[in-house]
Amino acid sequence: MKNEPSIQVAATSPLTRRDFLKFSMLMAGVLALPRSYAGRIAQALAAATRLPVVWLEFQDCTGDSESLLRANQRVDPIQPGVTDPGVTDLLLDFISLEYHETLMASSGANSEKSLADVMQTYPGEYVVVVEGSIPSALNGAYCAIRGRSALSIVREVCAGARAVIGAGSCAFDGGLAAAAPNPTGATGVRGAVPGLTNLVNLPGCPVNVVNLVAVIVHLITFGEMPACDSLGRPYFAYGEDIHEECERHNHYEAERFALAWGDEGHRRGWCLYRLGCKGPATHNNCSRVLWNDGVCWPVRAGHGCAGCSEPHFWDNLTPLYSPLPDDDAAIANP
């Protein structure tokens, strides 16, 4: 690579200079930045003090935490037999995960003290990642941790945060728990903590951990959160609809549709629109960033997009296997 940056990797870091450069190139691509920004990202990460992070988990299925955990080491496709750090390995070298109920060793009063210590030690410096919806009915009584409602916890912790990330569809707008009739009054972070100006939403069921890492990398590199749309979703990940980037898009334009699961069109990779694919109504970068360390995504695997990054998709875009109405363009641009 020409003009490679001068990067000093800490002696205690398990990461190599090569790791930093490859990771920084990946992040520049995900953030829709020119390749020339990779050097700036690498230098910022190498020089940064570890960012304190609090991960709050409320009314959810733990899918977003699972997405984080499964983005671990992977085999380097260029050099078979060589194991590369995955995005999670790299992320944990740049942040200090101070509190995460599913992952932390402490419990009970000790875990509560850990959370209080972060807020006291790093006021205005820590980042909050919220997973799961926040019940608001009955003053938040449907979800409580050590006698405190999720509603009161998220409001207190987010108030002192440098930045807040709503990870997954439940933290975005309540997700499945908020589907009609929504007996718990489930809502997302924006609904639970009105007026937040430092919130970035990363809807998806679950969140793609690459996008989560990219937001944190953007914060470390540029000192601010990425530009977002009116729903708080960063443009780099949600600025275009999945349909335009889909590898089956040419079949859509040629009106070649799979009409039944396993029919000839389905086997030949034709468009899944008639089988309920919600790609034309969905804004996300799944078809570019992919899943399972860049291996696949639902449409490539033969299943239509469910539209999980759109507002209240459980109510607005179901049944999952029914085609969109003819005015899908109106749905795609609410």
Protein backbone atom coordinates (compact mmCIF):
# COMPACT_ATOMS: atom_id res chain seq x y z
CA MET A 1 0.00 0.00 0.00
CA LYS A 2 1.40 3.43 -0.89
CA ASN A 3 1.94 6.03 1.83
CA GLU A 4 1.28 3.60 4.66
CA PRO A 5 0.85 5.44 7.96
CA SER A 6 3.29 5.20 10.80
CA ILE A 7 1.53 3.08 13.41
CA GLN A 8 2.90 2.30 16.84
CA VAL A 9 1.12 -0.74 18.29
CA ALA A 10 1.41 -1.16 22.03
CA ALA A 11 3.73 -3.96 23.11
CA THR A 12 0.95 -5.44 25.22
CA SER A 13 -1.52 -5.52 22.33
CA PRO A 14 -2.22 -8.89 20.68
CA LEU A 15 -2.77 -7.01 17.42
CA THR A 16 -0.12 -6.57 14.76
CA ARG A 17 0.44 -3.60 12.47
CA ARG A 18 -1.07 -5.74 9.70
CA ASP A 19 -4.19 -6.27 11.83
CA PHE A 20 -4.63 -2.54 12.29
CA LEU A 21 -4.27 -1.80 8.60
CA LYS A 22 -6.65 -4.54 7.46
CA PHE A 23 -9.21 -3.58 10.08
CA SER A 24 -8.91 0.11 9.20
CA MET A 25 -9.43 -0.63 5.52
CA LEU A 26 -12.55 -2.60 6.42
CA MET A 27 -13.89 0.23 8.58
CA ALA A 28 -13.22 2.86 5.90
CA GLY A 29 -15.24 0.77 3.46
CA VAL A 30 -18.13 0.19 5.86
CA LEU A 31 -18.25 3.89 6.74
CA ALA A 32 -18.38 4.72 3.00
CA LEU A 33 -15.15 6.70 3.23
CA PRO A 34 -12.39 6.86 0.60
CA ARG A 35 -9.62 4.29 1.03
CA SER A 36 -7.27 7.13 1.95
CA TYR A 37 -9.05 7.44 5.31
CA ALA A 38 -7.80 4.02 6.40
CA GLY A 39 -4.52 5.54 7.56
CA ARG A 40 -6.27 8.15 9.66
CA ILE A 41 -8.47 5.49 11.24
CA ALA A 42 -5.46 3.28 12.00
CA GLN A 43 -3.54 6.12 13.61
CA ALA A 44 -6.53 7.19 15.71
CA LEU A 45 -7.14 3.66 16.97
CA ALA A 46 -3.49 3.04 17.75
CA ALA A 47 -3.23 6.25 19.76
CA ALA A 48 -6.62 6.18 21.48
CA THR A 49 -7.23 5.56 25.15
CA ARG A 50 -9.63 2.65 25.59
CA LEU A 51 -13.19 3.94 25.45
CA PRO A 52 -15.35 2.96 28.46
CA VAL A 53 -18.54 1.21 27.32
CA VAL A 54 -21.67 0.25 29.25
CA TRP A 55 -23.98 -2.35 27.64
CA LEU A 56 -27.52 -2.31 29.01
CA GLU A 57 -29.83 -5.22 28.24
CA PHE A 58 -33.56 -5.05 28.78
CA GLN A 59 -36.62 -6.67 27.14
CA ASP A 60 -34.96 -8.80 24.45
CA CYS A 61 -33.80 -12.22 23.23
CA THR A 62 -30.05 -11.49 23.67
CA GLY A 63 -29.66 -11.69 19.89
CA ASP A 64 -27.57 -8.53 19.68
CA SER A 65 -25.14 -9.80 22.32
CA GLU A 66 -24.95 -13.07 20.39
CA SER A 67 -24.16 -11.11 17.24
CA LEU A 68 -21.29 -9.46 19.11
CA LEU A 69 -19.98 -12.72 20.53
CA ARG A 70 -20.04 -14.61 17.24
CA ALA A 71 -17.94 -12.06 15.38
CA ASN A 72 -14.77 -13.63 16.73
CA GLN A 73 -11.60 -14.91 15.10
CA ARG A 74 -11.86 -16.05 11.50
CA VAL A 75 -9.65 -17.80 8.98
CA ASP A 76 -7.79 -15.46 6.63
CA PRO A 77 -9.06 -16.27 3.09
CA ILE A 78 -5.83 -14.93 1.58
CA GLN A 79 -3.52 -17.09 3.69
CA PRO A 80 -5.20 -20.43 4.51
CA GLY A 81 -4.29 -21.67 7.94
CA VAL A 82 -3.77 -18.16 9.30
CA THR A 83 -6.31 -16.96 11.87
CA ASP A 84 -7.25 -13.30 11.74
CA PRO A 85 -8.75 -11.36 14.64
CA GLY A 86 -12.47 -10.88 14.08
CA VAL A 87 -14.14 -7.52 14.59
CA THR A 88 -14.92 -8.35 18.21
CA ASP A 89 -11.31 -9.19 19.00
CA LEU A 90 -10.30 -5.86 17.51
CA LEU A 91 -13.10 -3.92 19.17
CA LEU A 92 -12.14 -5.16 22.63
CA ASP A 93 -8.64 -3.76 22.12
CA PHE A 94 -10.06 -0.25 21.60
CA ILE A 95 -12.81 -0.20 24.24
CA SER A 96 -13.14 -1.17 27.87
CA LEU A 97 -16.40 -3.07 28.28
CA GLU A 98 -17.12 -1.98 31.83
CA TYR A 99 -20.62 -3.41 32.22
CA HIS A 100 -22.53 -6.11 30.36
CA GLU A 101 -24.88 -8.28 32.41
CA THR A 102 -24.57 -11.30 30.10
CA LEU A 103 -20.77 -11.24 29.92
CA MET A 104 -19.54 -9.80 33.22
CA ALA A 105 -18.28 -12.04 36.02
CA SER A 106 -19.78 -10.05 38.89
CA SER A 107 -23.43 -10.23 39.88
CA GLY A 108 -25.91 -8.78 42.33
CA ALA A 109 -24.68 -5.82 44.37
CA ASN A 110 -21.20 -6.03 42.84
CA SER A 111 -22.54 -5.62 39.30
CA GLU A 112 -24.67 -2.69 40.41
CA LYS A 113 -21.57 -1.11 41.92
CA SER A 114 -19.70 -1.62 38.62
CA LEU A 115 -22.32 0.41 36.79
CA ALA A 116 -22.31 3.15 39.42
CA ASP A 117 -18.51 3.31 39.32
CA VAL A 118 -18.48 3.86 35.56
CA MET A 119 -20.92 6.75 35.77
CA GLN A 120 -18.96 8.32 38.63
CA THR A 121 -15.48 7.77 37.16
CA TYR A 122 -16.21 8.67 33.52
CA PRO A 123 -18.98 11.31 33.51
CA GLY A 124 -19.64 12.47 29.97
CA GLU A 125 -16.98 10.07 28.61
CA TYR A 126 -18.56 6.62 28.50
CA VAL A 127 -20.61 5.15 25.65
CA VAL A 128 -23.89 3.35 26.30
CA VAL A 129 -25.07 0.49 24.11
CA VAL A 130 -28.72 -0.37 24.72
CA GLU A 131 -30.06 -3.78 23.73
CA GLY A 132 -33.74 -4.60 24.01
CA SER A 133 -36.90 -2.58 24.36
CA ILE A 134 -37.86 -0.56 27.41
CA PRO A 135 -41.35 -1.18 28.82
CA SER A 136 -43.12 2.07 29.69
CA ALA A 137 -46.55 0.78 30.83
CA LEU A 138 -47.27 0.85 34.57
CA ASN A 139 -44.31 3.19 35.00
CA GLY A 140 -41.92 0.55 33.67
CA ALA A 141 -43.00 -2.26 35.99
CA TYR A 142 -42.69 -4.99 33.33
CA CYS A 143 -38.89 -5.05 33.41
CA ALA A 144 -36.87 -4.50 36.58
CA ILE A 145 -33.28 -5.14 37.63
CA ARG A 146 -32.55 -5.30 41.37
CA GLY A 147 -35.80 -3.52 42.09
CA ARG A 148 -35.28 -0.71 39.56
CA SER A 149 -37.26 -0.40 36.36
CA ALA A 150 -35.48 -0.52 33.02
CA LEU A 151 -37.09 2.85 32.32
CA SER A 152 -35.40 4.53 35.28
CA ILE A 153 -32.05 2.83 34.61
CA VAL A 154 -31.83 3.82 30.94
CA ARG A 155 -32.76 7.40 31.73
CA GLU A 156 -30.13 7.73 34.44
CA VAL A 157 -27.30 6.02 32.55
CA CYS A 158 -27.94 7.75 29.21
CA ALA A 159 -28.08 11.16 30.87
CA GLY A 160 -24.37 11.08 31.63
CA ALA A 161 -23.16 9.37 28.44
CA ARG A 162 -20.95 10.77 25.73
CA ALA A 163 -22.91 8.79 23.15
CA VAL A 164 -25.76 6.28 23.09
CA ILE A 165 -26.18 3.44 20.60
CA GLY A 166 -29.53 1.68 20.22
CA ALA A 167 -28.41 -1.80 19.12
CA GLY A 168 -31.05 -3.83 17.30
CA SER A 169 -34.70 -3.37 16.41
CA CYS A 170 -35.96 -3.60 19.97
CA ALA A 171 -33.79 -0.69 21.12
CA PHE A 172 -34.79 1.18 17.95
CA ASP A 173 -38.57 1.21 18.37
CA GLY A 174 -39.54 -1.63 20.69
CA GLY A 175 -39.19 -4.41 18.14
CA LEU A 176 -41.22 -7.58 18.59
CA ALA A 177 -42.29 -6.63 22.11
CA ALA A 178 -43.88 -3.46 20.73
CA ALA A 179 -45.96 -5.29 18.10
CA ALA A 180 -49.71 -4.88 18.53
CA PRO A 181 -51.23 -4.93 21.07
CA ASN A 182 -47.99 -4.10 22.95
CA PRO A 183 -49.24 -4.82 26.48
CA THR A 184 -45.99 -3.71 28.17
CA GLY A 185 -45.83 -0.38 26.37
CA ALA A 186 -42.47 -1.40 24.90
CA THR A 187 -40.53 1.37 23.22
CA GLY A 188 -37.05 2.11 21.96
CA VAL A 189 -34.40 4.36 23.47
CA ARG A 190 -35.76 7.47 21.77
CA GLY A 191 -39.21 6.83 23.22
CA ALA A 192 -37.86 6.08 26.69
CA VAL A 193 -35.43 8.99 26.85
CA PRO A 194 -36.96 11.84 24.83
CA GLY A 195 -34.67 14.60 23.68
CA LEU A 196 -31.43 12.61 23.36
CA THR A 197 -29.17 14.39 20.89
CA ASN A 198 -26.31 11.88 21.01
CA LEU A 199 -28.30 8.77 20.02
CA VAL A 200 -27.48 6.58 17.02
CA ASN A 201 -29.91 3.78 16.15
CA LEU A 202 -28.73 0.54 14.54
CA PRO A 203 -31.95 -1.39 13.84
CA GLY A 204 -31.78 -4.99 12.71
CA CYS A 205 -32.89 -8.28 14.16
CA PRO A 206 -30.17 -8.57 15.32
CA VAL A 207 -27.78 -5.68 14.74
CA ASN A 208 -24.89 -6.40 12.40
CA VAL A 209 -21.87 -6.12 14.70
CA VAL A 210 -19.77 -4.67 11.87
CA ASN A 211 -22.02 -1.60 11.83
CA LEU A 212 -21.84 -1.36 15.62
CA VAL A 213 -18.05 -1.45 15.54
CA ALA A 214 -17.99 1.11 12.71
CA VAL A 215 -19.99 3.61 14.78
CA ILE A 216 -17.53 3.27 17.67
CA VAL A 217 -14.57 3.55 15.29
CA HIS A 218 -16.09 6.72 13.81
CA LEU A 219 -16.43 8.19 17.31
CA ILE A 220 -12.81 7.37 18.17
CA THR A 221 -11.45 8.64 14.85
CA PHE A 222 -13.47 11.82 14.34
CA GLY A 223 -14.64 12.60 17.87
CA GLU A 224 -18.31 12.52 16.91
CA MET A 225 -21.06 10.15 15.88
CA PRO A 226 -21.75 9.59 12.15
CA ALA A 227 -24.37 11.57 10.25
CA CYS A 228 -27.84 10.06 10.59
CA ASP A 229 -31.26 10.18 8.99
CA SER A 230 -34.41 11.44 10.70
CA LEU A 231 -34.78 8.11 12.51
CA GLY A 232 -31.29 8.29 13.96
CA ARG A 233 -29.87 5.63 11.60
CA PRO A 234 -26.38 6.37 10.21
CA TYR A 235 -26.37 7.05 6.49
CA PHE A 236 -23.37 4.81 5.88
CA ALA A 237 -25.42 1.75 6.86
CA TYR A 238 -29.02 2.80 6.14
CA GLY A 239 -28.68 5.44 3.43
CA GLU A 240 -29.76 3.16 0.57
CA ASP A 241 -32.35 0.45 0.26
CA ILE A 242 -31.24 -3.17 0.21
CA HIS A 243 -33.03 -3.73 -3.09
CA GLU A 244 -30.63 -1.61 -5.15
CA GLU A 245 -27.55 -3.46 -3.83
CA CYS A 246 -29.07 -6.95 -4.00
CA GLU A 247 -27.36 -9.54 -6.21
CA ARG A 248 -30.84 -10.57 -7.44
CA HIS A 249 -31.76 -7.03 -8.54
CA ASN A 250 -31.14 -7.72 -12.23
CA HIS A 251 -33.68 -10.55 -12.08
CA TYR A 252 -36.19 -8.12 -10.56
CA GLU A 253 -35.64 -5.66 -13.41
CA ALA A 254 -36.08 -8.49 -15.94
CA GLU A 255 -39.23 -9.67 -14.06
CA ARG A 256 -37.73 -13.08 -13.31
CA PHE A 257 -39.31 -14.11 -10.00
CA ALA A 258 -39.27 -17.25 -7.90
CA LEU A 259 -42.93 -18.12 -7.36
CA ALA A 260 -42.60 -21.04 -4.94
CA TRP A 261 -39.89 -22.27 -2.59
CA GLY A 262 -37.76 -24.76 -4.46
CA ASP A 263 -39.13 -24.02 -7.92
CA GLU A 264 -36.82 -23.50 -10.90
CA GLY A 265 -36.64 -19.74 -10.38
CA HIS A 266 -35.73 -20.20 -6.71
CA ARG A 267 -33.02 -22.70 -7.57
CA ARG A 268 -31.60 -20.40 -10.25
CA GLY A 269 -31.34 -17.42 -7.88
CA TRP A 270 -34.19 -15.33 -9.27
CA CYS A 271 -35.77 -12.44 -7.35
CA LEU A 272 -37.66 -13.35 -4.18
CA TYR A 273 -40.04 -10.38 -4.30
CA ARG A 274 -43.12 -12.53 -5.00
CA LEU A 275 -42.25 -14.76 -2.04
CA GLY A 276 -42.40 -11.85 0.37
CA CYS A 277 -38.94 -10.27 0.19
CA LYS A 278 -39.13 -6.78 1.73
CA GLY A 279 -35.90 -5.54 0.16
CA PRO A 280 -37.56 -2.70 -1.80
CA ALA A 281 -38.91 -1.30 1.49
CA THR A 282 -35.78 -1.78 3.59
CA HIS A 283 -32.80 0.47 4.22
CA ASN A 284 -29.69 -1.43 5.30
CA ASN A 285 -26.26 -2.50 4.06
CA CYS A 286 -26.70 -6.26 4.63
CA SER A 287 -25.98 -7.04 0.99
CA ARG A 288 -22.61 -5.24 1.18
CA VAL A 289 -21.38 -5.91 4.72
CA LEU A 290 -22.94 -9.39 4.86
CA TRP A 291 -23.04 -11.68 7.89
CA ASN A 292 -20.94 -14.49 9.36
CA ASP A 293 -17.68 -12.62 8.72
CA GLY A 294 -18.69 -11.56 5.23
CA VAL A 295 -19.85 -14.97 4.07
CA CYS A 296 -23.57 -14.61 3.42
CA TRP A 297 -26.86 -12.84 4.07
CA PRO A 298 -30.50 -14.05 3.99
CA VAL A 299 -31.20 -13.31 0.31
CA ARG A 300 -28.00 -15.02 -0.85
CA ALA A 301 -29.04 -18.02 1.23
CA GLY A 302 -32.39 -18.12 -0.58
CA HIS A 303 -34.63 -16.38 1.97
CA GLY A 304 -36.25 -13.00 1.44
CA CYS A 305 -35.42 -9.89 3.46
CA ALA A 306 -37.78 -9.41 6.42
CA GLY A 307 -37.37 -5.63 6.59
CA CYS A 308 -36.13 -5.78 10.18
CA SER A 309 -34.42 -2.36 10.10
CA GLU A 310 -37.64 -0.50 9.28
CA PRO A 311 -39.94 1.17 11.84
CA HIS A 312 -42.35 -1.30 13.48
CA PHE A 313 -41.66 -3.92 10.83
CA TRP A 314 -43.54 -6.61 12.76
CA ASP A 315 -46.75 -4.65 12.25
CA ASN A 316 -46.03 -2.90 8.95
CA LEU A 317 -44.19 -5.52 6.88
CA THR A 318 -45.79 -8.80 7.92
CA PRO A 319 -46.88 -11.44 6.97
CA LEU A 320 -43.26 -12.24 6.16
CA TYR A 321 -44.07 -14.41 3.14
CA SER A 322 -46.67 -12.14 1.55
CA PRO A 323 -45.56 -9.76 -1.24
CA LEU A 324 -45.45 -6.05 -0.65
CA PRO A 325 -48.39 -4.04 -1.98
CA ASP A 326 -47.96 -2.41 -5.36
CA ASP A 327 -47.18 0.94 -3.73
CA ASP A 328 -44.02 -0.44 -2.12
CA ALA A 329 -42.13 2.72 -3.18
CA ALA A 330 -44.25 4.67 -0.71
CA ILE A 331 -43.33 2.20 2.02
CA ALA A 332 -39.64 2.44 1.18
CA ASN A 333 -39.70 6.21 1.59
CA PRO A 334 -42.05 6.98 4.51
